[in-house]
PDB file of N, CA and C in Angstrom:
ATOM      1  N   UNK A   1      42.099 -44.154-183.841  1.00  0.00           N
ATOM      2  CA  UNK A   1      43.210 -44.705-183.008  1.00  0.00           C
ATOM      3  C   UNK A   1      42.309 -45.785-183.277  1.00  0.00           C
ATOM      4  N   UNK A   2      43.722 -47.223-182.748  1.00  0.00           N
ATOM      5  CA  UNK A   2      43.325 -48.400-182.854  1.00  0.00           C
ATOM      6  C   UNK A   2      43.885 -49.411-181.482  1.00  0.00           C
ATOM      7  N   UNK A   3      43.045 -49.691-180.305  1.00  0.00           N
ATOM      8  CA  UNK A   3      43.514 -50.314-178.951  1.00  0.00           C
ATOM      9  C   UNK A   3      43.349 -51.795-179.161  1.00  0.00           C
ATOM     10  N   UNK A   4      44.498 -52.523-178.569  1.00  0.00           N
ATOM     11  CA  UNK A   4      45.039 -53.751-178.151  1.00  0.00           C
ATOM     12  C   UNK A   4      44.935 -54.056-177.185  1.00  0.00           C
ATOM     13  N   UNK A   5      44.002 -54.483-176.555  1.00  0.00           N
ATOM     14  CA  UNK A   5      44.018 -54.962-174.977  1.00  0.00           C
ATOM     15  C   UNK A   5      44.756 -56.491-174.623  1.00  0.00           C
ATOM     16  N   UNK A   6      45.833 -56.711-174.215  1.00  0.00           N
ATOM     17  CA  UNK A   6      46.806 -58.095-173.782  1.00  0.00           C
ATOM     18  C   UNK A   6      46.787 -58.850-172.585  1.00  0.00           C
ATOM     19  N   UNK A   7      45.895 -59.633-172.193  1.00  0.00           N
ATOM     20  CA  UNK A   7      45.458 -60.180-170.982  1.00  0.00           C
ATOM     21  C   UNK A   7      46.820 -61.317-170.228  1.00  0.00           C
ATOM     22  N   UNK A   8      47.587 -60.693-169.849  1.00  0.00           N
ATOM     23  CA  UNK A   8      48.947 -61.251-169.428  1.00  0.00           C
ATOM     24  C   UNK A   8      48.317 -62.395-167.528  1.00  0.00           C
ATOM     25  N   UNK A   9      48.395 -63.741-167.480  1.00  0.00           N
ATOM     26  CA  UNK A   9      48.248 -63.939-166.311  1.00  0.00           C
ATOM     27  C   UNK A   9      49.902 -65.146-166.351  1.00  0.00           C
ATOM     28  N   UNK A  10      50.064 -64.164-164.957  1.00  0.00           N
ATOM     29  CA  UNK A  10      51.298 -65.211-164.020  1.00  0.00           C
ATOM     30  C   UNK A  10      51.492 -66.520-163.474  1.00  0.00           C
ATOM     31  N   UNK A  11      52.151 -67.270-164.213  1.00  0.00           N
ATOM     32  CA  UNK A  11      52.632 -68.737-164.151  1.00  0.00           C
ATOM     33  C   UNK A  11      53.209 -68.800-162.397  1.00  0.00           C
ATOM     34  N   UNK A  12      53.264 -69.982-161.934  1.00  0.00           N
ATOM     35  CA  UNK A  12      54.480 -70.011-161.030  1.00  0.00           C
ATOM     36  C   UNK A  12      55.690 -69.777-161.139  1.00  0.00           C
ATOM     37  N   UNK A  13      56.530 -69.427-162.484  1.00  0.00           N
ATOM     38  CA  UNK A  13      57.536 -69.063-162.593  1.00  0.00           C
ATOM     39  C   UNK A  13      57.710 -67.713-162.799  1.00  0.00           C
ATOM     40  N   UNK A  14      56.768 -67.004-162.651  1.00  0.00           N
ATOM     41  CA  UNK A  14      56.462 -65.600-162.979  1.00  0.00           C
ATOM     42  C   UNK A  14      55.445 -65.033-161.656  1.00  0.00           C
ATOM     43  N   UNK A  15      56.031 -65.794-160.445  1.00  0.00           N
ATOM     44  CA  UNK A  15      55.111 -65.819-159.350  1.00  0.00           C
ATOM     45  C   UNK A  15      55.942 -64.209-158.443  1.00  0.00           C
ATOM     46  N   UNK A  16      55.009 -63.894-157.333  1.00  0.00           N
ATOM     47  CA  UNK A  16      56.215 -63.210-156.629  1.00  0.00           C
ATOM     48  C   UNK A  16      57.164 -63.375-155.795  1.00  0.00           C
ATOM     49  N   UNK A  17      58.154 -62.434-155.748  1.00  0.00           N
ATOM     50  CA  UNK A  17      59.801 -63.498-155.656  1.00  0.00           C
ATOM     51  C   UNK A  17      60.324 -63.745-156.748  1.00  0.00           C
ATOM     52  N   UNK A  18      60.015 -63.711-158.018  1.00  0.00           N
ATOM     53  CA  UNK A  18      60.905 -64.581-158.784  1.00  0.00           C
ATOM     54  C   UNK A  18      61.696 -63.962-158.955  1.00  0.00           C
ATOM     55  N   UNK A  19      63.118 -64.118-159.345  1.00  0.00           N
ATOM     56  CA  UNK A  19      63.962 -63.448-159.582  1.00  0.00           C
ATOM     57  C   UNK A  19      63.643 -62.563-161.469  1.00  0.00           C
ATOM     58  N   UNK A  20      62.653 -62.791-162.222  1.00  0.00           N
ATOM     59  CA  UNK A  20      61.727 -62.091-163.276  1.00  0.00           C
ATOM     60  C   UNK A  20      61.330 -60.926-163.241  1.00  0.00           C
ATOM     61  N   UNK A  21      60.084 -60.621-161.510  1.00  0.00           N
ATOM     62  CA  UNK A  21      59.469 -59.867-161.412  1.00  0.00           C
ATOM     63  C   UNK A  21      60.349 -58.439-161.152  1.00  0.00           C
ATOM     64  N   UNK A  22      60.259 -57.657-161.117  1.00  0.00           N
ATOM     65  CA  UNK A  22      61.281 -56.279-160.613  1.00  0.00           C
ATOM     66  C   UNK A  22      60.131 -56.348-159.496  1.00  0.00           C
ATOM     67  N   UNK A  23      60.846 -55.316-158.440  1.00  0.00           N
ATOM     68  CA  UNK A  23      60.557 -54.989-157.011  1.00  0.00           C
ATOM     69  C   UNK A  23      59.214 -54.315-157.122  1.00  0.00           C
ATOM     70  N   UNK A  24      58.191 -54.473-156.171  1.00  0.00           N
ATOM     71  CA  UNK A  24      57.149 -53.658-155.838  1.00  0.00           C
ATOM     72  C   UNK A  24      56.824 -52.132-156.335  1.00  0.00           C
ATOM     73  N   UNK A  25      58.001 -51.660-155.978  1.00  0.00           N
ATOM     74  CA  UNK A  25      57.833 -50.307-156.747  1.00  0.00           C
ATOM     75  C   UNK A  25      57.754 -50.137-157.905  1.00  0.00           C
ATOM     76  N   UNK A  26      58.265 -50.954-159.216  1.00  0.00           N
ATOM     77  CA  UNK A  26      58.601 -50.406-160.283  1.00  0.00           C
ATOM     78  C   UNK A  26      57.419 -51.094-161.228  1.00  0.00           C
ATOM     79  N   UNK A  27      56.686 -52.165-160.271  1.00  0.00           N
ATOM     80  CA  UNK A  27      55.478 -52.776-160.786  1.00  0.00           C
ATOM     81  C   UNK A  27      54.740 -52.061-161.943  1.00  0.00           C
ATOM     82  N   UNK A  28      53.433 -52.275-162.534  1.00  0.00           N
ATOM     83  CA  UNK A  28      52.710 -51.986-163.643  1.00  0.00           C
ATOM     84  C   UNK A  28      53.036 -50.003-163.464  1.00  0.00           C
ATOM     85  N   UNK A  29      54.478 -49.924-163.668  1.00  0.00           N
ATOM     86  CA  UNK A  29      54.966 -48.778-163.769  1.00  0.00           C
ATOM     87  C   UNK A  29      54.750 -47.537-165.440  1.00  0.00           C
ATOM     88  N   UNK A  30      55.061 -49.514-166.058  1.00  0.00           N
ATOM     89  CA  UNK A  30      54.705 -48.965-167.437  1.00  0.00           C
ATOM     90  C   UNK A  30      55.094 -50.856-168.188  1.00  0.00           C
ATOM     91  N   UNK A  31      54.459 -50.856-169.407  1.00  0.00           N
ATOM     92  CA  UNK A  31      54.465 -52.105-169.652  1.00  0.00           C
ATOM     93  C   UNK A  31      56.152 -52.474-169.639  1.00  0.00           C
ATOM     94  N   UNK A  32      57.280 -51.681-169.773  1.00  0.00           N
ATOM     95  CA  UNK A  32      58.273 -52.089-169.878  1.00  0.00           C
ATOM     96  C   UNK A  32      58.763 -52.487-168.778  1.00  0.00           C
ATOM     97  N   UNK A  33      58.468 -51.896-167.452  1.00  0.00           N
ATOM     98  CA  UNK A  33      59.217 -52.104-165.841  1.00  0.00           C
ATOM     99  C   UNK A  33      58.167 -53.583-165.316  1.00  0.00           C
ATOM    100  N   UNK A  34      56.683 -53.186-166.140  1.00  0.00           N
ATOM    101  CA  UNK A  34      56.167 -54.612-165.085  1.00  0.00           C
ATOM    102  C   UNK A  34      56.488 -55.682-165.853  1.00  0.00           C
ATOM    103  N   UNK A  35      56.253 -56.017-167.402  1.00  0.00           N
ATOM    104  CA  UNK A  35      56.477 -57.539-168.048  1.00  0.00           C
ATOM    105  C   UNK A  35      58.063 -57.285-169.123  1.00  0.00           C
ATOM    106  N   UNK A  36      59.433 -56.742-168.584  1.00  0.00           N
ATOM    107  CA  UNK A  36      60.341 -56.209-169.127  1.00  0.00           C
ATOM    108  C   UNK A  36      61.163 -57.536-170.072  1.00  0.00           C
ATOM    109  N   UNK A  37      60.288 -59.032-169.347  1.00  0.00           N
ATOM    110  CA  UNK A  37      60.701 -59.708-170.610  1.00  0.00           C
ATOM    111  C   UNK A  37      60.071 -60.309-171.556  1.00  0.00           C
ATOM    112  N   UNK A  38      58.927 -59.772-171.670  1.00  0.00           N
ATOM    113  CA  UNK A  38      57.983 -59.777-173.277  1.00  0.00           C
ATOM    114  C   UNK A  38      58.055 -58.648-174.151  1.00  0.00           C
ATOM    115  N   UNK A  39      58.031 -59.251-174.909  1.00  0.00           N
ATOM    116  CA  UNK A  39      58.041 -58.551-176.859  1.00  0.00           C
ATOM    117  C   UNK A  39      56.270 -59.212-177.156  1.00  0.00           C
ATOM    118  N   UNK A  40      56.053 -57.604-177.497  1.00  0.00           N
ATOM    119  CA  UNK A  40      54.818 -57.187-177.979  1.00  0.00           C
ATOM    120  C   UNK A  40      55.046 -57.059-179.587  1.00  0.00           C
ATOM    121  N   UNK A  41      54.486 -57.486-180.594  1.00  0.00           N
ATOM    122  CA  UNK A  41      54.425 -57.263-181.913  1.00  0.00           C
ATOM    123  C   UNK A  41      53.533 -57.490-182.680  1.00  0.00           C
ATOM    124  N   UNK A  42      52.956 -56.700-183.353  1.00  0.00           N
ATOM    125  CA  UNK A  42      51.574 -56.466-184.070  1.00  0.00           C
ATOM    126  C   UNK A  42      51.992 -56.403-184.966  1.00  0.00           C
ATOM    127  N   UNK A  43      51.295 -57.126-186.183  1.00  0.00           N
ATOM    128  CA  UNK A  43      51.194 -57.049-187.776  1.00  0.00           C
ATOM    129  C   UNK A  43      50.863 -57.357-188.643  1.00  0.00           C
ATOM    130  N   UNK A  44      51.011 -56.580-189.974  1.00  0.00           N
ATOM    131  CA  UNK A  44      49.880 -56.698-190.862  1.00  0.00           C
ATOM    132  C   UNK A  44      50.815 -57.628-192.226  1.00  0.00           C
ATOM    133  N   UNK A  45      50.909 -56.343-193.111  1.00  0.00           N
ATOM    134  CA  UNK A  45      52.031 -56.503-193.995  1.00  0.00           C
ATOM    135  C   UNK A  45      53.471 -56.615-193.468  1.00  0.00           C
ATOM    136  N   UNK A  46      52.889 -55.087-192.358  1.00  0.00           N
ATOM    137  CA  UNK A  46      54.350 -54.545-192.051  1.00  0.00           C
ATOM    138  C   UNK A  46      54.344 -54.859-190.608  1.00  0.00           C
ATOM    139  N   UNK A  47      55.303 -54.884-189.376  1.00  0.00           N
ATOM    140  CA  UNK A  47      55.131 -54.186-188.121  1.00  0.00           C
ATOM    141  C   UNK A  47      54.243 -53.082-188.031  1.00  0.00           C
ATOM    142  N   UNK A  48      53.668 -53.259-187.267  1.00  0.00           N
ATOM    143  CA  UNK A  48      52.556 -51.382-186.316  1.00  0.00           C
ATOM    144  C   UNK A  48      53.255 -51.223-185.353  1.00  0.00           C
ATOM    145  N   UNK A  49      54.320 -50.704-184.943  1.00  0.00           N
ATOM    146  CA  UNK A  49      54.557 -49.931-184.045  1.00  0.00           C
ATOM    147  C   UNK A  49      53.937 -49.506-183.541  1.00  0.00           C
ATOM    148  N   UNK A  50      53.572 -49.953-181.783  1.00  0.00           N
ATOM    149  CA  UNK A  50      52.496 -48.898-180.548  1.00  0.00           C
ATOM    150  C   UNK A  50      52.843 -47.234-180.904  1.00  0.00           C
ATOM    151  N   UNK A  51      51.774 -46.643-180.541  1.00  0.00           N
ATOM    152  CA  UNK A  51      52.156 -45.343-180.388  1.00  0.00           C
ATOM    153  C   UNK A  51      52.003 -45.174-179.179  1.00  0.00           C
ATOM    154  N   UNK A  52      51.443 -45.991-178.115  1.00  0.00           N
ATOM    155  CA  UNK A  52      51.730 -45.373-176.406  1.00  0.00           C
ATOM    156  C   UNK A  52      50.911 -46.949-175.959  1.00  0.00           C
ATOM    157  N   UNK A  53      51.299 -47.161-175.076  1.00  0.00           N
ATOM    158  CA  UNK A  53      51.331 -48.188-174.000  1.00  0.00           C
ATOM    159  C   UNK A  53      50.530 -47.767-172.672  1.00  0.00           C
ATOM    160  N   UNK A  54      50.542 -48.684-171.870  1.00  0.00           N
ATOM    161  CA  UNK A  54      50.039 -49.042-170.375  1.00  0.00           C
ATOM    162  C   UNK A  54      49.729 -50.450-169.775  1.00  0.00           C
ATOM    163  N   UNK A  55      49.364 -50.757-168.663  1.00  0.00           N
ATOM    164  CA  UNK A  55      49.747 -51.957-168.429  1.00  0.00           C
ATOM    165  C   UNK A  55      48.717 -51.557-166.492  1.00  0.00           C
ATOM    166  N   UNK A  56      47.606 -52.372-166.672  1.00  0.00           N
ATOM    167  CA  UNK A  56      46.796 -52.270-165.202  1.00  0.00           C
ATOM    168  C   UNK A  56      46.959 -54.098-164.870  1.00  0.00           C
ATOM    169  N   UNK A  57      47.490 -53.846-163.431  1.00  0.00           N
ATOM    170  CA  UNK A  57      46.708 -54.321-163.304  1.00  0.00           C
ATOM    171  C   UNK A  57      45.861 -55.602-162.411  1.00  0.00           C
ATOM    172  N   UNK A  58      46.110 -56.922-162.050  1.00  0.00           N
ATOM    173  CA  UNK A  58      44.799 -58.233-162.317  1.00  0.00           C
ATOM    174  C   UNK A  58      45.671 -58.560-161.046  1.00  0.00           C
ATOM    175  N   UNK A  59      44.886 -58.139-159.684  1.00  0.00           N
ATOM    176  CA  UNK A  59      45.140 -58.909-158.096  1.00  0.00           C
ATOM    177  C   UNK A  59      44.464 -59.830-158.212  1.00  0.00           C
ATOM    178  N   UNK A  60      45.136 -60.849-157.245  1.00  0.00           N
ATOM    179  CA  UNK A  60      44.229 -61.993-156.897  1.00  0.00           C
ATOM    180  C   UNK A  60      42.768 -61.798-155.843  1.00  0.00           C
ATOM    181  N   UNK A  61      42.376 -61.958-156.366  1.00  0.00           N
ATOM    182  CA  UNK A  61      40.626 -62.101-155.929  1.00  0.00           C
ATOM    183  C   UNK A  61      41.093 -62.604-154.285  1.00  0.00           C
ATOM    184  N   UNK A  62      41.434 -63.196-153.251  1.00  0.00           N
ATOM    185  CA  UNK A  62      41.678 -63.264-152.490  1.00  0.00           C
ATOM    186  C   UNK A  62      42.162 -62.148-151.592  1.00  0.00           C
ATOM    187  N   UNK A  63      43.378 -61.609-152.030  1.00  0.00           N
ATOM    188  CA  UNK A  63      44.381 -60.601-151.535  1.00  0.00           C
ATOM    189  C   UNK A  63      45.366 -59.620-152.700  1.00  0.00           C
ATOM    190  N   UNK A  64      44.497 -58.597-152.505  1.00  0.00           N
ATOM    191  CA  UNK A  64      44.176 -57.271-152.921  1.00  0.00           C
ATOM    192  C   UNK A  64      45.879 -57.074-153.606  1.00  0.00           C
ATOM    193  N   UNK A  65      46.206 -57.314-152.434  1.00  0.00           N
ATOM    194  CA  UNK A  65      48.462 -56.594-152.864  1.00  0.00           C
ATOM    195  C   UNK A  65      48.832 -57.947-153.681  1.00  0.00           C
ATOM    196  N   UNK A  66      48.466 -58.646-154.006  1.00  0.00           N
ATOM    197  CA  UNK A  66      49.285 -59.912-154.742  1.00  0.00           C
ATOM    198  C   UNK A  66      49.211 -59.457-156.381  1.00  0.00           C
ATOM    199  N   UNK A  67      49.346 -59.513-157.429  1.00  0.00           N
ATOM    200  CA  UNK A  67      49.175 -59.366-158.356  1.00  0.00           C
ATOM    201  C   UNK A  67      49.103 -60.686-159.573  1.00  0.00           C
ATOM    202  N   UNK A  68      48.167 -60.922-159.863  1.00  0.00           N
ATOM    203  CA  UNK A  68      48.118 -62.085-160.777  1.00  0.00           C
ATOM    204  C   UNK A  68      48.436 -61.957-161.964  1.00  0.00           C
ATOM    205  N   UNK A  69      48.557 -60.780-162.511  1.00  0.00           N
ATOM    206  CA  UNK A  69      48.908 -60.264-164.019  1.00  0.00           C
ATOM    207  C   UNK A  69      48.691 -59.017-164.161  1.00  0.00           C
ATOM    208  N   UNK A  70      48.296 -58.745-164.985  1.00  0.00           N
ATOM    209  CA  UNK A  70      47.545 -57.719-165.900  1.00  0.00           C
ATOM    210  C   UNK A  70      47.425 -57.178-167.646  1.00  0.00           C
ATOM    211  N   UNK A  71      46.589 -56.441-167.174  1.00  0.00           N
ATOM    212  CA  UNK A  71      46.124 -55.723-168.652  1.00  0.00           C
ATOM    213  C   UNK A  71      47.121 -55.229-169.435  1.00  0.00           C
ATOM    214  N   UNK A  72      47.455 -55.653-170.545  1.00  0.00           N
ATOM    215  CA  UNK A  72      48.877 -54.597-171.142  1.00  0.00           C
ATOM    216  C   UNK A  72      48.017 -54.227-172.192  1.00  0.00           C
ATOM    217  N   UNK A  73      47.203 -52.473-172.311  1.00  0.00           N
ATOM    218  CA  UNK A  73      46.568 -51.647-173.491  1.00  0.00           C
ATOM    219  C   UNK A  73      47.641 -50.612-175.067  1.00  0.00           C
ATOM    220  N   UNK A  74      47.787 -50.960-175.446  1.00  0.00           N
ATOM    221  CA  UNK A  74      48.280 -50.801-176.592  1.00  0.00           C
ATOM    222  C   UNK A  74      47.164 -49.334-177.899  1.00  0.00           C
ATOM    223  N   UNK A  75      48.170 -49.310-178.454  1.00  0.00           N
ATOM    224  CA  UNK A  75      47.569 -47.530-178.992  1.00  0.00           C
ATOM    225  C   UNK A  75      48.172 -47.770-180.250  1.00  0.00           C
ATOM    226  N   UNK A  76      47.210 -48.198-181.401  1.00  0.00           N
ATOM    227  CA  UNK A  76      47.925 -48.369-182.706  1.00  0.00           C
ATOM    228  C   UNK A  76      47.608 -47.211-183.305  1.00  0.00           C
ATOM    229  N   UNK A  77      48.516 -46.680-184.694  1.00  0.00           N
ATOM    230  CA  UNK A  77      48.241 -45.207-185.229  1.00  0.00           C
ATOM    231  C   UNK A  77      46.891 -45.909-186.188  1.00  0.00           C
ATOM    232  N   UNK A  78      45.626 -45.649-186.567  1.00  0.00           N
ATOM    233  CA  UNK A  78      44.643 -45.667-186.911  1.00  0.00           C
ATOM    234  C   UNK A  78      44.704 -46.303-188.493  1.00  0.00           C
ATOM    235  N   UNK A  79      45.302 -45.050-189.278  1.00  0.00           N
ATOM    236  CA  UNK A  79      45.600 -45.138-190.005  1.00  0.00           C
ATOM    237  C   UNK A  79      47.193 -46.421-191.169  1.00  0.00           C
ATOM    238  N   UNK A  80      47.098 -47.114-190.324  1.00  0.00           N
ATOM    239  CA  UNK A  80      48.536 -48.060-190.216  1.00  0.00           C
ATOM    240  C   UNK A  80      47.971 -49.076-190.762  1.00  0.00           C
ATOM    241  N   UNK A  81      46.431 -49.611-189.749  1.00  0.00           N
ATOM    242  CA  UNK A  81      45.780 -50.754-189.268  1.00  0.00           C
ATOM    243  C   UNK A  81      44.546 -50.807-190.912  1.00  0.00           C
ATOM    244  N   UNK A  82      44.863 -51.903-190.993  1.00  0.00           N
ATOM    245  CA  UNK A  82      43.750 -52.204-192.705  1.00  0.00           C
ATOM    246  C   UNK A  82      43.217 -53.322-191.899  1.00  0.00           C
ATOM    247  N   UNK A  83      41.459 -53.639-193.311  1.00  0.00           N
ATOM    248  CA  UNK A  83      40.288 -54.317-192.924  1.00  0.00           C
ATOM    249  C   UNK A  83      41.176 -55.905-193.073  1.00  0.00           C
ATOM    250  N   UNK A  84      42.632 -56.378-192.413  1.00  0.00           N
ATOM    251  CA  UNK A  84      43.066 -57.511-192.733  1.00  0.00           C
ATOM    252  C   UNK A  84      44.388 -58.762-191.524  1.00  0.00           C
ATOM    253  N   UNK A  85      43.962 -59.051-191.516  1.00  0.00           N
ATOM    254  CA  UNK A  85      43.978 -60.041-190.779  1.00  0.00           C
ATOM    255  C   UNK A  85      45.168 -59.427-190.053  1.00  0.00           C
ATOM    256  N   UNK A  86      44.974 -59.344-188.793  1.00  0.00           N
ATOM    257  CA  UNK A  86      46.452 -58.708-187.890  1.00  0.00           C
ATOM    258  C   UNK A  86      47.210 -59.717-187.230  1.00  0.00           C
ATOM    259  N   UNK A  87      48.512 -59.858-187.072  1.00  0.00           N
ATOM    260  CA  UNK A  87      48.949 -61.128-186.176  1.00  0.00           C
ATOM    261  C   UNK A  87      49.685 -60.242-184.960  1.00  0.00           C
ATOM    262  N   UNK A  88      49.594 -60.657-184.098  1.00  0.00           N
ATOM    263  CA  UNK A  88      49.887 -60.412-182.354  1.00  0.00           C
ATOM    264  C   UNK A  88      50.699 -61.119-181.734  1.00  0.00           C
ATOM    265  N   UNK A  89      51.777 -61.084-181.403  1.00  0.00           N
ATOM    266  CA  UNK A  89      52.945 -62.215-180.984  1.00  0.00           C
ATOM    267  C   UNK A  89      53.622 -61.579-179.857  1.00  0.00           C
ATOM    268  N   UNK A  90      53.110 -62.507-178.805  1.00  0.00           N
ATOM    269  CA  UNK A  90      54.169 -62.142-177.008  1.00  0.00           C
ATOM    270  C   UNK A  90      54.953 -63.103-177.296  1.00  0.00           C
ATOM    271  N   UNK A  91      56.288 -62.693-176.539  1.00  0.00           N
ATOM    272  CA  UNK A  91      57.423 -63.573-176.701  1.00  0.00           C
ATOM    273  C   UNK A  91      58.134 -62.987-175.131  1.00  0.00           C
ATOM    274  N   UNK A  92      58.725 -64.378-175.148  1.00  0.00           N
ATOM    275  CA  UNK A  92      59.467 -64.666-173.657  1.00  0.00           C
ATOM    276  C   UNK A  92      60.846 -65.644-173.859  1.00  0.00           C
ATOM    277  N   UNK A  93      61.743 -64.714-172.943  1.00  0.00           N
ATOM    278  CA  UNK A  93      62.997 -65.484-173.223  1.00  0.00           C
ATOM    279  C   UNK A  93      62.364 -67.841-173.416  1.00  0.00           C
ATOM    280  N   UNK A  94      61.275 -67.568-173.396  1.00  0.00           N
ATOM    281  CA  UNK A  94      61.619 -69.383-173.472  1.00  0.00           C
ATOM    282  C   UNK A  94      60.390 -69.676-173.795  1.00  0.00           C
ATOM    283  N   UNK A  95      59.578 -68.284-174.666  1.00  0.00           N
ATOM    284  CA  UNK A  95      58.450 -69.030-175.214  1.00  0.00           C
ATOM    285  C   UNK A  95      57.417 -68.269-175.929  1.00  0.00           C
ATOM    286  N   UNK A  96      56.932 -68.171-176.882  1.00  0.00           N
ATOM    287  CA  UNK A  96      56.102 -67.288-178.303  1.00  0.00           C
ATOM    288  C   UNK A  96      55.106 -67.256-178.189  1.00  0.00           C
ATOM    289  N   UNK A  97      54.248 -66.445-178.502  1.00  0.00           N
ATOM    290  CA  UNK A  97      52.764 -67.087-177.990  1.00  0.00           C
ATOM    291  C   UNK A  97      52.073 -65.944-178.849  1.00  0.00           C
ATOM    292  N   UNK A  98      51.187 -66.864-180.684  1.00  0.00           N
ATOM    293  CA  UNK A  98      50.879 -66.095-181.212  1.00  0.00           C
ATOM    294  C   UNK A  98      49.481 -66.017-181.653  1.00  0.00           C
ATOM    295  N   UNK A  99      49.009 -65.058-182.137  1.00  0.00           N
ATOM    296  CA  UNK A  99      47.361 -65.122-182.723  1.00  0.00           C
ATOM    297  C   UNK A  99      47.089 -64.506-183.846  1.00  0.00           C
ATOM    298  N   UNK A 100      46.352 -64.566-184.659  1.00  0.00           N
ATOM    299  CA  UNK A 100      45.893 -63.743-185.662  1.00  0.00           C
ATOM    300  C   UNK A 100      44.327 -63.251-185.917  1.00  0.00           C
ATOM    301  N   UNK A 101      43.531 -61.875-185.750  1.00  0.00           N
ATOM    302  CA  UNK A 101      42.765 -62.218-185.492  1.00  0.00           C
ATOM    303  C   UNK A 101      42.151 -61.304-187.245  1.00  0.00           C
ATOM    304  N   UNK A 102      40.978 -61.707-187.842  1.00  0.00           N
ATOM    305  CA  UNK A 102      40.585 -61.491-189.404  1.00  0.00           C
ATOM    306  C   UNK A 102      39.302 -59.946-188.706  1.00  0.00           C
ATOM    307  N   UNK A 103      40.064 -58.737-188.986  1.00  0.00           N
ATOM    308  CA  UNK A 103      39.751 -57.586-189.007  1.00  0.00           C
ATOM    309  C   UNK A 103      38.568 -56.962-189.354  1.00  0.00           C
ATOM    310  N   UNK A 104      38.715 -57.955-191.184  1.00  0.00           N
ATOM    311  CA  UNK A 104      37.584 -57.529-191.589  1.00  0.00           C
ATOM    312  C   UNK A 104      36.241 -58.761-191.282  1.00  0.00           C
ATOM    313  N   UNK A 105      36.007 -59.588-190.176  1.00  0.00           N
ATOM    314  CA  UNK A 105      35.167 -59.964-189.917  1.00  0.00           C
ATOM    315  C   UNK A 105      35.012 -59.586-188.802  1.00  0.00           C
ATOM    316  N   UNK A 106      35.431 -58.883-187.755  1.00  0.00           N
ATOM    317  CA  UNK A 106      35.216 -58.134-186.344  1.00  0.00           C
ATOM    318  C   UNK A 106      34.290 -57.151-186.919  1.00  0.00           C
ATOM    319  N   UNK A 107      34.562 -56.592-188.138  1.00  0.00           N
ATOM    320  CA  UNK A 107      33.041 -55.570-188.068  1.00  0.00           C
ATOM    321  C   UNK A 107      32.425 -55.201-187.477  1.00  0.00           C
TER     322      UNK A 107
END
C-alpha cells in the first residue's frame, strides 16, 4: 500500500458559513462530504484510483472549533505504483492545481 497526503487550507471563499461547505455535522465524515467540490486524481502512465481515503481536520490555533483545512489521505495499491513520476491533480470548480513527484528520486 502506498499513501499520499494532500493538505488543503481553506481560503476566504471556502470559509465557515460559505455555501460550499457542508453543515458542521457532515464535515470530515469522508473526503466526499468535506471536500465535495474537490476532485483528486493520481496518474502515471494511467489513472491510479485510490482504494481508500479519509480526511482529518486542521483547526485554527485560536479556536479548536473552527476548521481551517484538512489533511486528506489516500491509499493506492502498491502494485499499481511504479518508480516513475507521479502526477497529483486537485481540481475545484474554479481552479486546477497539479504537482509531479519523481518517485525514483524519493527512494
